[in-house]
Amino acid sequence: MQLNLDILQGYKTYIAAVGLLALGVYQLTGGDLPTGIHSILAGLAAFGLRSALARPTAPPATPSK
């Protein structure tokens, strides 16, 4: 059986980022401060990476004559 994950196109990074943030909060509430902070920072980095990938790139500038 093969899963069709086309419906998640463009949302997989957001889902992973939210999962990492939730994991970090869970770890913080459990008393594991360094690991919780690490997970939260990884989630924020995933959000930043996704927004950077979604940003359109500008066409290269042509030199003026």
PDB file of N, CA and C in Angstrom:
ATOM      1  N   MET A   1       0.839  -1.171   0.000  1.00  0.00           N
ATOM      2  CA  MET A   1       0.000   0.000   0.000  1.00  0.00           C
ATOM      3  C   MET A   1       0.891   1.244   0.000  1.00  0.00           C
ATOM      4  N   GLN A   2       0.638   2.132  -0.906  1.00  0.00           N
ATOM      5  CA  GLN A   2       1.448   3.342  -1.035  1.00  0.00           C
ATOM      6  C   GLN A   2       0.609   4.555  -0.640  1.00  0.00           C
ATOM      7  N   LEU A   3       1.187   5.412   0.201  1.00  0.00           N
ATOM      8  CA  LEU A   3       0.488   6.612   0.641  1.00  0.00           C
ATOM      9  C   LEU A   3       0.708   7.730  -0.365  1.00  0.00           C
ATOM     10  N   ASN A   4      -0.328   8.467  -0.657  1.00  0.00           N
ATOM     11  CA  ASN A   4      -0.224   9.611  -1.547  1.00  0.00           C
ATOM     12  C   ASN A   4      -0.104  10.865  -0.683  1.00  0.00           C
ATOM     13  N   LEU A   5       1.091  11.434  -0.615  1.00  0.00           N
ATOM     14  CA  LEU A   5       1.347  12.592   0.231  1.00  0.00           C
ATOM     15  C   LEU A   5       1.376  13.892  -0.562  1.00  0.00           C
ATOM     16  N   ASP A   6       0.806  13.882  -1.764  1.00  0.00           N
ATOM     17  CA  ASP A   6       0.776  15.111  -2.561  1.00  0.00           C
ATOM     18  C   ASP A   6      -0.055  16.193  -1.888  1.00  0.00           C
ATOM     19  N   ILE A   7      -0.998  15.800  -1.058  1.00  0.00           N
ATOM     20  CA  ILE A   7      -1.857  16.766  -0.376  1.00  0.00           C
ATOM     21  C   ILE A   7      -1.045  17.616   0.612  1.00  0.00           C
ATOM     22  N   LEU A   8       0.092  17.097   1.066  1.00  0.00           N
ATOM     23  CA  LEU A   8       0.930  17.818   2.022  1.00  0.00           C
ATOM     24  C   LEU A   8       1.988  18.684   1.343  1.00  0.00           C
ATOM     25  N   GLN A   9       1.934  18.797   0.041  1.00  0.00           N
ATOM     26  CA  GLN A   9       2.930  19.571  -0.699  1.00  0.00           C
ATOM     27  C   GLN A   9       2.978  21.004  -0.170  1.00  0.00           C
ATOM     28  N   GLY A  10       4.127  21.431   0.302  1.00  0.00           N
ATOM     29  CA  GLY A  10       4.300  22.778   0.814  1.00  0.00           C
ATOM     30  C   GLY A  10       4.022  22.919   2.289  1.00  0.00           C
ATOM     31  N   TYR A  11       3.503  21.891   2.934  1.00  0.00           N
ATOM     32  CA  TYR A  11       3.163  21.981   4.352  1.00  0.00           C
ATOM     33  C   TYR A  11       4.024  21.081   5.231  1.00  0.00           C
ATOM     34  N   LYS A  12       4.821  20.216   4.633  1.00  0.00           N
ATOM     35  CA  LYS A  12       5.589  19.254   5.420  1.00  0.00           C
ATOM     36  C   LYS A  12       6.578  19.935   6.359  1.00  0.00           C
ATOM     37  N   THR A  13       7.233  20.988   5.900  1.00  0.00           N
ATOM     38  CA  THR A  13       8.188  21.689   6.749  1.00  0.00           C
ATOM     39  C   THR A  13       7.477  22.389   7.896  1.00  0.00           C
ATOM     40  N   TYR A  14       6.303  22.967   7.619  1.00  0.00           N
ATOM     41  CA  TYR A  14       5.538  23.613   8.682  1.00  0.00           C
ATOM     42  C   TYR A  14       5.099  22.595   9.734  1.00  0.00           C
ATOM     43  N   ILE A  15       4.671  21.429   9.301  1.00  0.00           N
ATOM     44  CA  ILE A  15       4.248  20.382  10.233  1.00  0.00           C
ATOM     45  C   ILE A  15       5.426  19.938  11.099  1.00  0.00           C
ATOM     46  N   ALA A  16       6.589  19.768  10.476  1.00  0.00           N
ATOM     47  CA  ALA A  16       7.779  19.383  11.237  1.00  0.00           C
ATOM     48  C   ALA A  16       8.183  20.476  12.222  1.00  0.00           C
ATOM     49  N   ALA A  17       8.088  21.738  11.815  1.00  0.00           N
ATOM     50  CA  ALA A  17       8.456  22.845  12.694  1.00  0.00           C
ATOM     51  C   ALA A  17       7.521  22.914  13.902  1.00  0.00           C
ATOM     52  N   VAL A  18       6.229  22.770  13.668  1.00  0.00           N
ATOM     53  CA  VAL A  18       5.274  22.789  14.776  1.00  0.00           C
ATOM     54  C   VAL A  18       5.527  21.602  15.704  1.00  0.00           C
ATOM     55  N   GLY A  19       5.847  20.458  15.135  1.00  0.00           N
ATOM     56  CA  GLY A  19       6.155  19.283  15.945  1.00  0.00           C
ATOM     57  C   GLY A  19       7.386  19.495  16.814  1.00  0.00           C
ATOM     58  N   LEU A  20       8.404  20.126  16.250  1.00  0.00           N
ATOM     59  CA  LEU A  20       9.607  20.399  17.036  1.00  0.00           C
ATOM     60  C   LEU A  20       9.333  21.407  18.151  1.00  0.00           C
ATOM     61  N   LEU A  21       8.515  22.418  17.857  1.00  0.00           N
ATOM     62  CA  LEU A  21       8.162  23.387  18.894  1.00  0.00           C
ATOM     63  C   LEU A  21       7.381  22.712  20.024  1.00  0.00           C
ATOM     64  N   ALA A  22       6.434  21.863  19.657  1.00  0.00           N
ATOM     65  CA  ALA A  22       5.649  21.152  20.666  1.00  0.00           C
ATOM     66  C   ALA A  22       6.541  20.212  21.483  1.00  0.00           C
ATOM     67  N   LEU A  23       7.455  19.541  20.826  1.00  0.00           N
ATOM     68  CA  LEU A  23       8.386  18.661  21.535  1.00  0.00           C
ATOM     69  C   LEU A  23       9.236  19.467  22.507  1.00  0.00           C
ATOM     70  N   GLY A  24       9.699  20.625  22.070  1.00  0.00           N
ATOM     71  CA  GLY A  24      10.511  21.463  22.947  1.00  0.00           C
ATOM     72  C   GLY A  24       9.758  21.922  24.173  1.00  0.00           C
ATOM     73  N   VAL A  25       8.497  22.310  23.995  1.00  0.00           N
ATOM     74  CA  VAL A  25       7.675  22.718  25.140  1.00  0.00           C
ATOM     75  C   VAL A  25       7.463  21.534  26.078  1.00  0.00           C
ATOM     76  N   TYR A  26       7.221  20.377  25.519  1.00  0.00           N
ATOM     77  CA  TYR A  26       7.050  19.172  26.342  1.00  0.00           C
ATOM     78  C   TYR A  26       8.321  18.878  27.141  1.00  0.00           C
ATOM     79  N   GLN A  27       9.468  18.997  26.486  1.00  0.00           N
ATOM     80  CA  GLN A  27      10.727  18.727  27.174  1.00  0.00           C
ATOM     81  C   GLN A  27      10.995  19.765  28.266  1.00  0.00           C
ATOM     82  N   LEU A  28      10.638  21.022  27.993  1.00  0.00           N
ATOM     83  CA  LEU A  28      10.819  22.060  29.012  1.00  0.00           C
ATOM     84  C   LEU A  28       9.938  21.806  30.224  1.00  0.00           C
ATOM     85  N   THR A  29       8.696  21.399  29.986  1.00  0.00           N
ATOM     86  CA  THR A  29       7.803  21.141  31.118  1.00  0.00           C
ATOM     87  C   THR A  29       8.227  19.898  31.894  1.00  0.00           C
ATOM     88  N   GLY A  30       8.965  19.023  31.250  1.00  0.00           N
ATOM     89  CA  GLY A  30       9.485  17.841  31.934  1.00  0.00           C
ATOM     90  C   GLY A  30      10.778  18.103  32.665  1.00  0.00           C
ATOM     91  N   GLY A  31      11.320  19.315  32.543  1.00  0.00           N
ATOM     92  CA  GLY A  31      12.527  19.675  33.276  1.00  0.00           C
ATOM     93  C   GLY A  31      13.821  19.524  32.503  1.00  0.00           C
ATOM     94  N   ASP A  32      13.756  19.151  31.244  1.00  0.00           N
ATOM     95  CA  ASP A  32      14.967  18.987  30.435  1.00  0.00           C
ATOM     96  C   ASP A  32      15.230  20.279  29.667  1.00  0.00           C
ATOM     97  N   LEU A  33      15.839  21.241  30.342  1.00  0.00           N
ATOM     98  CA  LEU A  33      16.026  22.578  29.794  1.00  0.00           C
ATOM     99  C   LEU A  33      16.898  22.618  28.532  1.00  0.00           C
ATOM    100  N   PRO A  34      18.109  22.033  28.528  1.00  0.00           N
ATOM    101  CA  PRO A  34      18.956  22.146  27.322  1.00  0.00           C
ATOM    102  C   PRO A  34      18.332  21.490  26.084  1.00  0.00           C
ATOM    103  N   THR A  35      17.748  20.319  26.252  1.00  0.00           N
ATOM    104  CA  THR A  35      17.152  19.623  25.116  1.00  0.00           C
ATOM    105  C   THR A  35      15.903  20.344  24.634  1.00  0.00           C
ATOM    106  N   GLY A  36      15.115  20.892  25.562  1.00  0.00           N
ATOM    107  CA  GLY A  36      13.913  21.636  25.192  1.00  0.00           C
ATOM    108  C   GLY A  36      14.250  22.880  24.390  1.00  0.00           C
ATOM    109  N   ILE A  37      15.248  23.610  24.846  1.00  0.00           N
ATOM    110  CA  ILE A  37      15.664  24.819  24.116  1.00  0.00           C
ATOM    111  C   ILE A  37      16.196  24.440  22.742  1.00  0.00           C
ATOM    112  N   HIS A  38      16.937  23.353  22.667  1.00  0.00           N
ATOM    113  CA  HIS A  38      17.475  22.898  21.377  1.00  0.00           C
ATOM    114  C   HIS A  38      16.354  22.556  20.405  1.00  0.00           C
ATOM    115  N   SER A  39      15.332  21.873  20.887  1.00  0.00           N
ATOM    116  CA  SER A  39      14.210  21.506  20.022  1.00  0.00           C
ATOM    117  C   SER A  39      13.435  22.733  19.564  1.00  0.00           C
ATOM    118  N   ILE A  40      13.233  23.692  20.450  1.00  0.00           N
ATOM    119  CA  ILE A  40      12.523  24.915  20.072  1.00  0.00           C
ATOM    120  C   ILE A  40      13.317  25.700  19.037  1.00  0.00           C
ATOM    121  N   LEU A  41      14.614  25.803  19.219  1.00  0.00           N
ATOM    122  CA  LEU A  41      15.444  26.509  18.237  1.00  0.00           C
ATOM    123  C   LEU A  41      15.449  25.790  16.888  1.00  0.00           C
ATOM    124  N   ALA A  42      15.419  24.466  16.917  1.00  0.00           N
ATOM    125  CA  ALA A  42      15.352  23.709  15.663  1.00  0.00           C
ATOM    126  C   ALA A  42      14.022  23.965  14.955  1.00  0.00           C
ATOM    127  N   GLY A  43      12.939  24.059  15.715  1.00  0.00           N
ATOM    128  CA  GLY A  43      11.638  24.371  15.122  1.00  0.00           C
ATOM    129  C   GLY A  43      11.608  25.757  14.511  1.00  0.00           C
ATOM    130  N   LEU A  44      12.177  26.734  15.207  1.00  0.00           N
ATOM    131  CA  LEU A  44      12.247  28.090  14.657  1.00  0.00           C
ATOM    132  C   LEU A  44      13.124  28.140  13.406  1.00  0.00           C
ATOM    133  N   ALA A  45      14.197  27.365  13.405  1.00  0.00           N
ATOM    134  CA  ALA A  45      15.055  27.305  12.223  1.00  0.00           C
ATOM    135  C   ALA A  45      14.314  26.695  11.033  1.00  0.00           C
ATOM    136  N   ALA A  46      13.477  25.702  11.298  1.00  0.00           N
ATOM    137  CA  ALA A  46      12.697  25.093  10.217  1.00  0.00           C
ATOM    138  C   ALA A  46      11.716  26.099   9.627  1.00  0.00           C
ATOM    139  N   PHE A  47      11.085  26.924  10.477  1.00  0.00           N
ATOM    140  CA  PHE A  47      10.208  27.984   9.968  1.00  0.00           C
ATOM    141  C   PHE A  47      10.996  28.960   9.106  1.00  0.00           C
ATOM    142  N   GLY A  48      12.180  29.339   9.564  1.00  0.00           N
ATOM    143  CA  GLY A  48      13.014  30.262   8.793  1.00  0.00           C
ATOM    144  C   GLY A  48      13.462  29.671   7.476  1.00  0.00           C
ATOM    145  N   LEU A  49      13.810  28.402   7.496  1.00  0.00           N
ATOM    146  CA  LEU A  49      14.230  27.733   6.268  1.00  0.00           C
ATOM    147  C   LEU A  49      13.090  27.677   5.271  1.00  0.00           C
ATOM    148  N   ARG A  50      11.893  27.365   5.747  1.00  0.00           N
ATOM    149  CA  ARG A  50      10.738  27.270   4.851  1.00  0.00           C
ATOM    150  C   ARG A  50      10.414  28.622   4.227  1.00  0.00           C
ATOM    151  N   SER A  51      10.485  29.681   5.028  1.00  0.00           N
ATOM    152  CA  SER A  51      10.182  31.000   4.472  1.00  0.00           C
ATOM    153  C   SER A  51      11.259  31.438   3.490  1.00  0.00           C
ATOM    154  N   ALA A  52      12.494  31.043   3.731  1.00  0.00           N
ATOM    155  CA  ALA A  52      13.561  31.384   2.789  1.00  0.00           C
ATOM    156  C   ALA A  52      13.397  30.624   1.476  1.00  0.00           C
ATOM    157  N   LEU A  53      12.952  29.380   1.553  1.00  0.00           N
ATOM    158  CA  LEU A  53      12.745  28.601   0.338  1.00  0.00           C
ATOM    159  C   LEU A  53      11.522  29.088  -0.435  1.00  0.00           C
ATOM    160  N   ALA A  54      10.538  29.614   0.254  1.00  0.00           N
ATOM    161  CA  ALA A  54       9.317  30.075  -0.399  1.00  0.00           C
ATOM    162  C   ALA A  54       9.491  31.441  -1.046  1.00  0.00           C
ATOM    163  N   ARG A  55      10.502  32.195  -0.628  1.00  0.00           N
ATOM    164  CA  ARG A  55      10.723  33.530  -1.158  1.00  0.00           C
ATOM    165  C   ARG A  55      11.203  33.424  -2.608  1.00  0.00           C
ATOM    166  N   PRO A  56      10.555  34.138  -3.513  1.00  0.00           N
ATOM    167  CA  PRO A  56      11.007  34.095  -4.905  1.00  0.00           C
ATOM    168  C   PRO A  56      12.343  34.806  -5.048  1.00  0.00           C
ATOM    169  N   THR A  57      13.141  34.293  -5.924  1.00  0.00           N
ATOM    170  CA  THR A  57      14.446  34.908  -6.152  1.00  0.00           C
ATOM    171  C   THR A  57      14.323  35.975  -7.230  1.00  0.00           C
ATOM    172  N   ALA A  58      15.078  37.027  -7.073  1.00  0.00           N
ATOM    173  CA  ALA A  58      15.062  38.109  -8.048  1.00  0.00           C
ATOM    174  C   ALA A  58      15.879  37.696  -9.262  1.00  0.00           C
ATOM    175  N   PRO A  59      15.452  38.097 -10.453  1.00  0.00           N
ATOM    176  CA  PRO A  59      16.242  37.767 -11.634  1.00  0.00           C
ATOM    177  C   PRO A  59      17.565  38.522 -11.578  1.00  0.00           C
ATOM    178  N   PRO A  60      18.603  37.960 -12.174  1.00  0.00           N
ATOM    179  CA  PRO A  60      19.902  38.625 -12.135  1.00  0.00           C
ATOM    180  C   PRO A  60      19.818  39.970 -12.869  1.00  0.00           C
ATOM    181  N   ALA A  61      20.481  40.949 -12.305  1.00  0.00           N
ATOM    182  CA  ALA A  61      20.482  42.283 -12.908  1.00  0.00           C
ATOM    183  C   ALA A  61      21.385  42.285 -14.140  1.00  0.00           C
ATOM    184  N   THR A  62      20.914  42.929 -15.174  1.00  0.00           N
ATOM    185  CA  THR A  62      21.731  43.049 -16.386  1.00  0.00           C
ATOM    186  C   THR A  62      22.482  44.364 -16.310  1.00  0.00           C
ATOM    187  N   PRO A  63      23.746  44.335 -16.679  1.00  0.00           N
ATOM    188  CA  PRO A  63      24.525  45.579 -16.622  1.00  0.00           C
ATOM    189  C   PRO A  63      23.995  46.596 -17.637  1.00  0.00           C
ATOM    190  N   SER A  64      23.953  47.836 -17.204  1.00  0.00           N
ATOM    191  CA  SER A  64      23.496  48.890 -18.126  1.00  0.00           C
ATOM    192  C   SER A  64      24.649  49.343 -18.990  1.00  0.00           C
ATOM    193  N   LYS A  65      24.298  49.830 -20.178  1.00  0.00           N
ATOM    194  CA  LYS A  65      25.346  50.249 -21.133  1.00  0.00           C
ATOM    195  C   LYS A  65      25.677  51.687 -20.995  1.00  0.00           C
TER     196      LYS A  65
END
